[in-house]
Structures are given as structure tokens and as C-alpha cells.
Amino acid sequence: MLQVLIAIGWMWGIGVIVPGMDFVLISRISFLHGRRAAILATFGDAAAIALWSFAAFIGIQTLFEHAPKLYHLLQIIGSLYLIYLGLQLIWQSFKPIEMEKASKEAEDHKNRGFFLTGFFVTLANPAAIFWLAAIFAANLPVHTPWEWGIPIIAMIGTMEIVWYSLVACLFGHPLVSEKFNRWRRWVDVVSGLVFMGLAVQIALESLLQ
């Protein structure tokens, strides 16, 4: 169980720190509305991620129980998705962060509160469940007990809260945001290469089993 948590945790951790829509949203809210508003949005984001995690875990477990032969196929598909994410990160490293897009998302949901802003923006992003499904397919044993889902989902939600609370506290300052943006390209490139390396490892292990 501990090995599974560690494996899922570090893979999810890499995905969390890579700047994406939720990162842009939280940092933008922090800059425009203050840290408290950004932290509320962070909890909304974590709630949506927990919901996506539950859906991905249930889906993977159901698939393993009713079609165990698809386990290796799903690992290969997950590996291809990781390669896609890696290439996408490297490609996006040459593009500026689209702050305007995140600002529009926040503006669209402002009447629902910052918590619901974070929740609905993350919930509307289907990439999260594909990423979670890829992680689960790569690390969960075929006969994973259902009760393992509780600590796994709790860990993922907690990591989301911790990281984006830190983002909310730091990126309220324009100087910090500007400095990070200078290093973002290298963060994206390294993360993309890591994802692609993981994909190759997972695919080889699946083919050799």
C-alpha cells in the first residue's frame, strides 16, 4: 500500500507543480483579489480533483474486475497519453501563460464565489480524469482493494491544497510571479521529459509481463 501511495504521489506531484489552467487561475485570483480569495478557489479546485479521482479510481477498478485482460492495454494507452502530455508541455514551454483566459474563467464564475470558481473551472477540465486514470493504471495492482481509494484520494486532494495554497500565498506578489514566469520554460521541458520517460518505462514493463 505504501509503495502504491508513494508512486502515485510523486507522479501526481509532478503534474501538480506544472503550470496549467488551475495554476493560472489561482495565481490570477491571488493577484487580483488577494490570498484569501485564492485559497478559497484552491479548496474548490481540490474538491473537483477529489471528485475526478473518485471517478477515475472507480472506473479503473470496475474495468479490472470485469475485463482483466484490458489491464495491459490500458497501461499502453496510458503510456501514450503520458507521451502526449510530455510533448504538449515541451511545446507549451515556448508559449506565454495565458493569464487573460484564466481571468475570463474567474470573471464568469465570480457571482458563485471563489470556492465554486475553483471547483467548476477544474471540473470543466476533462484532462484531469485522463491524467488520473493513466496514473492509476500504471501503479494500481489488478486486484486493488476498494478501501485503498480513501487514502489515495485523500492524498491527491491534500497535495492539491498544499501546493496551490502556497501558490496563492506567493503569487499575490507581482515580483514572484514575474520571476517564476522566467523559469517556467525549463519547468515545462523537464516535466515533459520526465513524463515521456515514465511512459516508456510503463510500456516496457507492461509488454514484458
C-alpha atoms as a PDB file:
ATOM      1  CA  MET A   1       0.000   0.000   0.000  1.00  0.00           C
ATOM      2  CA  LEU A   2       2.775   2.434   0.957  1.00  0.00           C
ATOM      3  CA  GLN A   3       4.648   1.773  -2.283  1.00  0.00           C
ATOM      4  CA  VAL A   4       1.495   2.466  -4.287  1.00  0.00           C
ATOM      5  CA  LEU A   5       0.899   5.731  -2.407  1.00  0.00           C
ATOM      6  CA  ILE A   6       4.479   6.853  -2.981  1.00  0.00           C
ATOM      7  CA  ALA A   7       4.356   6.004  -6.690  1.00  0.00           C
ATOM      8  CA  ILE A   8       1.027   7.761  -7.235  1.00  0.00           C
ATOM      9  CA  GLY A   9       2.065  10.657  -5.012  1.00  0.00           C
ATOM     10  CA  TRP A  10       5.256  11.563  -6.823  1.00  0.00           C
ATOM     11  CA  MET A  11       3.692  11.197 -10.268  1.00  0.00           C
ATOM     12  CA  TRP A  12       0.764  13.381  -9.231  1.00  0.00           C
ATOM     13  CA  GLY A  13       3.163  15.809  -7.568  1.00  0.00           C
ATOM     14  CA  ILE A  14       4.972  16.386 -10.854  1.00  0.00           C
ATOM     15  CA  GLY A  15       1.658  17.042 -12.561  1.00  0.00           C
ATOM     16  CA  VAL A  16       0.525  19.443  -9.844  1.00  0.00           C
ATOM     17  CA  ILE A  17       3.551  21.733  -9.991  1.00  0.00           C
ATOM     18  CA  VAL A  18       3.455  22.047 -13.784  1.00  0.00           C
ATOM     19  CA  PRO A  19       1.708  25.349 -14.621  1.00  0.00           C
ATOM     20  CA  GLY A  20      -1.702  24.722 -16.152  1.00  0.00           C
ATOM     21  CA  MET A  21      -5.179  26.251 -16.125  1.00  0.00           C
ATOM     22  CA  ASP A  22      -5.641  25.781 -12.365  1.00  0.00           C
ATOM     23  CA  PHE A  23      -2.219  27.304 -11.682  1.00  0.00           C
ATOM     24  CA  VAL A  24      -3.021  30.329 -13.815  1.00  0.00           C
ATOM     25  CA  LEU A  25      -6.460  30.656 -12.226  1.00  0.00           C
ATOM     26  CA  ILE A  26      -5.193  30.561  -8.622  1.00  0.00           C
ATOM     27  CA  SER A  27      -2.274  32.906  -9.246  1.00  0.00           C
ATOM     28  CA  ARG A  28      -4.524  35.337 -11.135  1.00  0.00           C
ATOM     29  CA  ILE A  29      -7.161  35.374  -8.384  1.00  0.00           C
ATOM     30  CA  SER A  30      -4.412  35.924  -5.810  1.00  0.00           C
ATOM     31  CA  PHE A  31      -3.066  38.863  -7.792  1.00  0.00           C
ATOM     32  CA  LEU A  32      -6.475  40.479  -8.395  1.00  0.00           C
ATOM     33  CA  HIS A  33      -8.470  39.593  -5.271  1.00  0.00           C
ATOM     34  CA  GLY A  34      -5.961  38.649  -2.577  1.00  0.00           C
ATOM     35  CA  ARG A  35      -4.693  35.481  -0.932  1.00  0.00           C
ATOM     36  CA  ARG A  36      -7.882  34.629   0.938  1.00  0.00           C
ATOM     37  CA  ALA A  37      -9.895  34.542  -2.287  1.00  0.00           C
ATOM     38  CA  ALA A  38      -7.220  32.421  -3.968  1.00  0.00           C
ATOM     39  CA  ILE A  39      -7.169  29.931  -1.089  1.00  0.00           C
ATOM     40  CA  LEU A  40     -10.956  29.589  -1.301  1.00  0.00           C
ATOM     41  CA  ALA A  41     -10.555  28.847  -5.004  1.00  0.00           C
ATOM     42  CA  THR A  42      -7.843  26.341  -4.081  1.00  0.00           C
ATOM     43  CA  PHE A  43     -10.251  24.354  -1.904  1.00  0.00           C
ATOM     44  CA  GLY A  44     -12.770  24.382  -4.727  1.00  0.00           C
ATOM     45  CA  ASP A  45     -10.104  23.097  -7.102  1.00  0.00           C
ATOM     46  CA  ALA A  46      -9.144  20.330  -4.640  1.00  0.00           C
ATOM     47  CA  ALA A  47     -12.786  19.292  -4.243  1.00  0.00           C
ATOM     48  CA  ALA A  48     -13.128  18.904  -8.010  1.00  0.00           C
ATOM     49  CA  ILE A  49      -9.868  16.950  -8.204  1.00  0.00           C
ATOM     50  CA  ALA A  50     -11.088  14.638  -5.428  1.00  0.00           C
ATOM     51  CA  LEU A  51     -14.267  14.052  -7.422  1.00  0.00           C
ATOM     52  CA  TRP A  52     -12.281  13.284 -10.574  1.00  0.00           C
ATOM     53  CA  SER A  53     -10.009  10.979  -8.529  1.00  0.00           C
ATOM     54  CA  PHE A  54     -13.008   9.050  -7.231  1.00  0.00           C
ATOM     55  CA  ALA A  55     -14.404   8.673 -10.744  1.00  0.00           C
ATOM     56  CA  ALA A  56     -11.047   7.521 -12.128  1.00  0.00           C
ATOM     57  CA  PHE A  57     -10.479   5.043  -9.279  1.00  0.00           C
ATOM     58  CA  ILE A  58     -13.957   3.522  -9.595  1.00  0.00           C
ATOM     59  CA  GLY A  59     -13.598   3.303 -13.358  1.00  0.00           C
ATOM     60  CA  ILE A  60     -10.220   1.572 -13.218  1.00  0.00           C
ATOM     61  CA  GLN A  61     -11.342  -0.881 -10.535  1.00  0.00           C
ATOM     62  CA  THR A  62     -14.517  -1.785 -12.429  1.00  0.00           C
ATOM     63  CA  LEU A  63     -12.525  -2.356 -15.593  1.00  0.00           C
ATOM     64  CA  PHE A  64     -10.015  -4.591 -13.813  1.00  0.00           C
ATOM     65  CA  GLU A  65     -12.780  -6.707 -12.270  1.00  0.00           C
ATOM     66  CA  HIS A  66     -14.841  -7.221 -15.415  1.00  0.00           C
ATOM     67  CA  ALA A  67     -12.144  -7.176 -18.088  1.00  0.00           C
ATOM     68  CA  PRO A  68      -8.740  -8.004 -16.555  1.00  0.00           C
ATOM     69  CA  LYS A  69      -7.182  -8.638 -19.981  1.00  0.00           C
ATOM     70  CA  LEU A  70      -7.614  -4.961 -20.759  1.00  0.00           C
ATOM     71  CA  TYR A  71      -5.215  -4.075 -17.936  1.00  0.00           C
ATOM     72  CA  HIS A  72      -2.134  -4.175 -20.173  1.00  0.00           C
ATOM     73  CA  LEU A  73      -3.945  -2.406 -22.999  1.00  0.00           C
ATOM     74  CA  LEU A  74      -4.901   0.396 -20.629  1.00  0.00           C
ATOM     75  CA  GLN A  75      -1.288   0.683 -19.493  1.00  0.00           C
ATOM     76  CA  ILE A  76      -0.193   1.116 -23.111  1.00  0.00           C
ATOM     77  CA  ILE A  77      -2.902   3.725 -23.699  1.00  0.00           C
ATOM     78  CA  GLY A  78      -1.863   5.490 -20.502  1.00  0.00           C
ATOM     79  CA  SER A  79       1.754   5.472 -21.679  1.00  0.00           C
ATOM     80  CA  LEU A  80       0.760   7.047 -24.985  1.00  0.00           C
ATOM     81  CA  TYR A  81      -1.180   9.705 -23.093  1.00  0.00           C
ATOM     82  CA  LEU A  82       1.866  10.449 -20.925  1.00  0.00           C
ATOM     83  CA  ILE A  83       3.945  10.876 -24.068  1.00  0.00           C
ATOM     84  CA  TYR A  84       1.286  13.231 -25.427  1.00  0.00           C
ATOM     85  CA  LEU A  85       1.376  15.260 -22.206  1.00  0.00           C
ATOM     86  CA  GLY A  86       5.158  15.384 -22.300  1.00  0.00           C
ATOM     87  CA  LEU A  87       5.239  16.645 -25.873  1.00  0.00           C
ATOM     88  CA  GLN A  88       2.490  19.145 -25.087  1.00  0.00           C
ATOM     89  CA  LEU A  89       4.433  20.535 -22.121  1.00  0.00           C
ATOM     90  CA  ILE A  90       7.580  20.936 -24.194  1.00  0.00           C
ATOM     91  CA  TRP A  91       5.567  22.649 -26.949  1.00  0.00           C
ATOM     92  CA  GLN A  92       3.829  24.960 -24.464  1.00  0.00           C
ATOM     93  CA  SER A  93       7.147  25.910 -22.878  1.00  0.00           C
ATOM     94  CA  PHE A  94       7.677  28.248 -25.831  1.00  0.00           C
ATOM     95  CA  LYS A  95       4.352  29.997 -25.302  1.00  0.00           C
ATOM     96  CA  PRO A  96       3.444  32.652 -22.699  1.00  0.00           C
ATOM     97  CA  ILE A  97       0.998  31.798 -19.909  1.00  0.00           C
ATOM     98  CA  GLU A  98      -2.499  32.870 -20.969  1.00  0.00           C
ATOM     99  CA  MET A  99      -3.457  34.974 -17.983  1.00  0.00           C
ATOM    100  CA  GLU A 100      -6.352  36.528 -19.871  1.00  0.00           C
ATOM    101  CA  LYS A 101      -8.062  33.156 -20.316  1.00  0.00           C
ATOM    102  CA  ALA A 102      -7.882  32.385 -16.609  1.00  0.00           C
ATOM    103  CA  SER A 103      -9.140  35.869 -15.801  1.00  0.00           C
ATOM    104  CA  LYS A 104     -12.176  35.325 -18.020  1.00  0.00           C
ATOM    105  CA  GLU A 105     -12.937  31.997 -16.301  1.00  0.00           C
ATOM    106  CA  ALA A 106     -12.778  33.666 -12.912  1.00  0.00           C
ATOM    107  CA  GLU A 107     -14.962  36.529 -14.098  1.00  0.00           C
ATOM    108  CA  ASP A 108     -17.592  34.123 -15.471  1.00  0.00           C
ATOM    109  CA  HIS A 109     -17.997  32.470 -12.068  1.00  0.00           C
ATOM    110  CA  LYS A 110     -17.483  35.438  -9.747  1.00  0.00           C
ATOM    111  CA  ASN A 111     -21.127  35.513  -8.676  1.00  0.00           C
ATOM    112  CA  ARG A 112     -20.860  31.942  -7.351  1.00  0.00           C
ATOM    113  CA  GLY A 113     -17.967  32.654  -5.040  1.00  0.00           C
ATOM    114  CA  PHE A 114     -14.294  31.868  -5.313  1.00  0.00           C
ATOM    115  CA  PHE A 115     -14.725  28.321  -3.991  1.00  0.00           C
ATOM    116  CA  LEU A 116     -17.165  27.498  -6.780  1.00  0.00           C
ATOM    117  CA  THR A 117     -14.923  29.272  -9.270  1.00  0.00           C
ATOM    118  CA  GLY A 118     -12.089  26.871  -8.494  1.00  0.00           C
ATOM    119  CA  PHE A 119     -14.465  23.915  -8.399  1.00  0.00           C
ATOM    120  CA  PHE A 120     -16.205  24.496 -11.723  1.00  0.00           C
ATOM    121  CA  VAL A 121     -13.117  25.554 -13.668  1.00  0.00           C
ATOM    122  CA  THR A 122     -11.320  22.351 -12.620  1.00  0.00           C
ATOM    123  CA  LEU A 123     -14.419  20.225 -13.081  1.00  0.00           C
ATOM    124  CA  ALA A 124     -14.763  21.555 -16.617  1.00  0.00           C
ATOM    125  CA  ASN A 125     -11.251  20.339 -17.450  1.00  0.00           C
ATOM    126  CA  PRO A 126     -11.572  16.715 -18.684  1.00  0.00           C
ATOM    127  CA  ALA A 127      -7.794  16.328 -18.906  1.00  0.00           C
ATOM    128  CA  ALA A 128      -7.679  15.742 -15.141  1.00  0.00           C
ATOM    129  CA  ILE A 129      -9.522  12.413 -15.247  1.00  0.00           C
ATOM    130  CA  PHE A 130      -7.397  11.129 -18.142  1.00  0.00           C
ATOM    131  CA  TRP A 131      -4.228  12.001 -16.241  1.00  0.00           C
ATOM    132  CA  LEU A 132      -5.539  10.351 -13.075  1.00  0.00           C
ATOM    133  CA  ALA A 133      -6.635   7.261 -14.990  1.00  0.00           C
ATOM    134  CA  ALA A 134      -3.168   6.998 -16.539  1.00  0.00           C
ATOM    135  CA  ILE A 135      -1.528   7.236 -13.105  1.00  0.00           C
ATOM    136  CA  PHE A 136      -3.878   4.662 -11.578  1.00  0.00           C
ATOM    137  CA  ALA A 137      -3.458   2.259 -14.492  1.00  0.00           C
ATOM    138  CA  ALA A 138       0.313   2.494 -14.161  1.00  0.00           C
ATOM    139  CA  ASN A 139       0.504   1.968 -10.400  1.00  0.00           C
ATOM    140  CA  LEU A 140      -2.559   0.124  -9.066  1.00  0.00           C
ATOM    141  CA  PRO A 141      -2.398  -3.685  -8.873  1.00  0.00           C
ATOM    142  CA  VAL A 142      -5.104  -5.559 -10.755  1.00  0.00           C
ATOM    143  CA  HIS A 143      -6.859  -6.643  -7.557  1.00  0.00           C
ATOM    144  CA  THR A 144      -6.537  -3.413  -5.606  1.00  0.00           C
ATOM    145  CA  PRO A 145      -8.850  -3.375  -2.551  1.00  0.00           C
ATOM    146  CA  TRP A 146     -11.625  -0.811  -2.847  1.00  0.00           C
ATOM    147  CA  GLU A 147     -10.719   0.705   0.533  1.00  0.00           C
ATOM    148  CA  TRP A 148      -7.366   1.827  -0.859  1.00  0.00           C
ATOM    149  CA  GLY A 149      -9.262   4.528  -2.703  1.00  0.00           C
ATOM    150  CA  ILE A 150      -9.806   6.514   0.512  1.00  0.00           C
ATOM    151  CA  PRO A 151      -6.137   7.279   1.339  1.00  0.00           C
ATOM    152  CA  ILE A 152      -5.269   7.672  -2.348  1.00  0.00           C
ATOM    153  CA  ILE A 153      -7.982  10.260  -2.980  1.00  0.00           C
ATOM    154  CA  ALA A 154      -7.223  11.990   0.339  1.00  0.00           C
ATOM    155  CA  MET A 155      -3.532  12.224  -0.567  1.00  0.00           C
ATOM    156  CA  ILE A 156      -4.259  13.669  -4.010  1.00  0.00           C
ATOM    157  CA  GLY A 157      -6.663  16.258  -2.598  1.00  0.00           C
ATOM    158  CA  THR A 158      -4.236  17.214   0.182  1.00  0.00           C
ATOM    159  CA  MET A 159      -1.360  17.674  -2.253  1.00  0.00           C
ATOM    160  CA  GLU A 160      -3.580  19.898  -4.370  1.00  0.00           C
ATOM    161  CA  ILE A 161      -4.480  22.064  -1.361  1.00  0.00           C
ATOM    162  CA  VAL A 162      -0.898  22.345  -0.076  1.00  0.00           C
ATOM    163  CA  TRP A 163       0.615  23.291  -3.432  1.00  0.00           C
ATOM    164  CA  TYR A 164      -1.993  25.786  -4.548  1.00  0.00           C
ATOM    165  CA  SER A 165      -2.224  27.361  -1.102  1.00  0.00           C
ATOM    166  CA  LEU A 166       1.493  28.017  -1.473  1.00  0.00           C
ATOM    167  CA  VAL A 167       0.872  29.409  -4.953  1.00  0.00           C
ATOM    168  CA  ALA A 168      -1.899  31.617  -3.561  1.00  0.00           C
ATOM    169  CA  CYS A 169       0.401  32.996  -0.875  1.00  0.00           C
ATOM    170  CA  LEU A 170       3.395  33.562  -3.124  1.00  0.00           C
ATOM    171  CA  PHE A 171       1.923  34.738  -6.381  1.00  0.00           C
ATOM    172  CA  GLY A 172      -0.040  37.571  -4.874  1.00  0.00           C
ATOM    173  CA  HIS A 173       3.231  39.445  -5.247  1.00  0.00           C
ATOM    174  CA  PRO A 174       3.911  40.568  -8.862  1.00  0.00           C
ATOM    175  CA  LEU A 175       7.689  40.178  -8.448  1.00  0.00           C
ATOM    176  CA  VAL A 176       7.377  36.487  -7.557  1.00  0.00           C
ATOM    177  CA  SER A 177       5.043  35.840 -10.479  1.00  0.00           C
ATOM    178  CA  GLU A 178       7.398  37.570 -12.895  1.00  0.00           C
ATOM    179  CA  LYS A 179      10.454  35.635 -11.711  1.00  0.00           C
ATOM    180  CA  PHE A 180       8.661  32.289 -11.900  1.00  0.00           C
ATOM    181  CA  ASN A 181       7.495  33.024 -15.430  1.00  0.00           C
ATOM    182  CA  ARG A 182      11.145  33.338 -16.446  1.00  0.00           C
ATOM    183  CA  TRP A 183      11.844  29.770 -15.227  1.00  0.00           C
ATOM    184  CA  ARG A 184       8.554  28.270 -16.425  1.00  0.00           C
ATOM    185  CA  ARG A 185      10.017  27.123 -19.755  1.00  0.00           C
ATOM    186  CA  TRP A 186      12.579  24.905 -18.046  1.00  0.00           C
ATOM    187  CA  VAL A 187       9.995  23.547 -15.608  1.00  0.00           C
ATOM    188  CA  ASP A 188       7.778  22.553 -18.542  1.00  0.00           C
ATOM    189  CA  VAL A 189      10.624  20.982 -20.525  1.00  0.00           C
ATOM    190  CA  VAL A 190      11.966  18.927 -17.615  1.00  0.00           C
ATOM    191  CA  SER A 191       8.470  17.814 -16.604  1.00  0.00           C
ATOM    192  CA  GLY A 192       7.687  16.846 -20.194  1.00  0.00           C
ATOM    193  CA  LEU A 193      10.832  14.724 -20.426  1.00  0.00           C
ATOM    194  CA  VAL A 194      10.015  13.039 -17.111  1.00  0.00           C
ATOM    195  CA  PHE A 195       6.502  12.180 -18.313  1.00  0.00           C
ATOM    196  CA  MET A 196       7.880  10.696 -21.525  1.00  0.00           C
ATOM    197  CA  GLY A 197      10.468   8.668 -19.617  1.00  0.00           C
ATOM    198  CA  LEU A 198       7.764   7.299 -17.332  1.00  0.00           C
ATOM    199  CA  ALA A 199       5.670   6.395 -20.364  1.00  0.00           C
ATOM    200  CA  VAL A 200       8.480   4.333 -21.873  1.00  0.00           C
ATOM    201  CA  GLN A 201       9.102   2.563 -18.553  1.00  0.00           C
ATOM    202  CA  ILE A 202       5.417   1.728 -18.050  1.00  0.00           C
ATOM    203  CA  ALA A 203       5.015   0.478 -21.625  1.00  0.00           C
ATOM    204  CA  LEU A 204       8.089  -1.754 -21.411  1.00  0.00           C
ATOM    205  CA  GLU A 205       7.001  -3.239 -18.086  1.00  0.00           C
ATOM    206  CA  SER A 206       3.549  -3.953 -19.496  1.00  0.00           C
ATOM    207  CA  LEU A 207       4.919  -5.614 -22.648  1.00  0.00           C
ATOM    208  CA  LEU A 208       7.382  -7.755 -20.679  1.00  0.00           C
ATOM    209  CA  GLN A 209       4.764  -9.089 -18.236  1.00  0.00           C
END
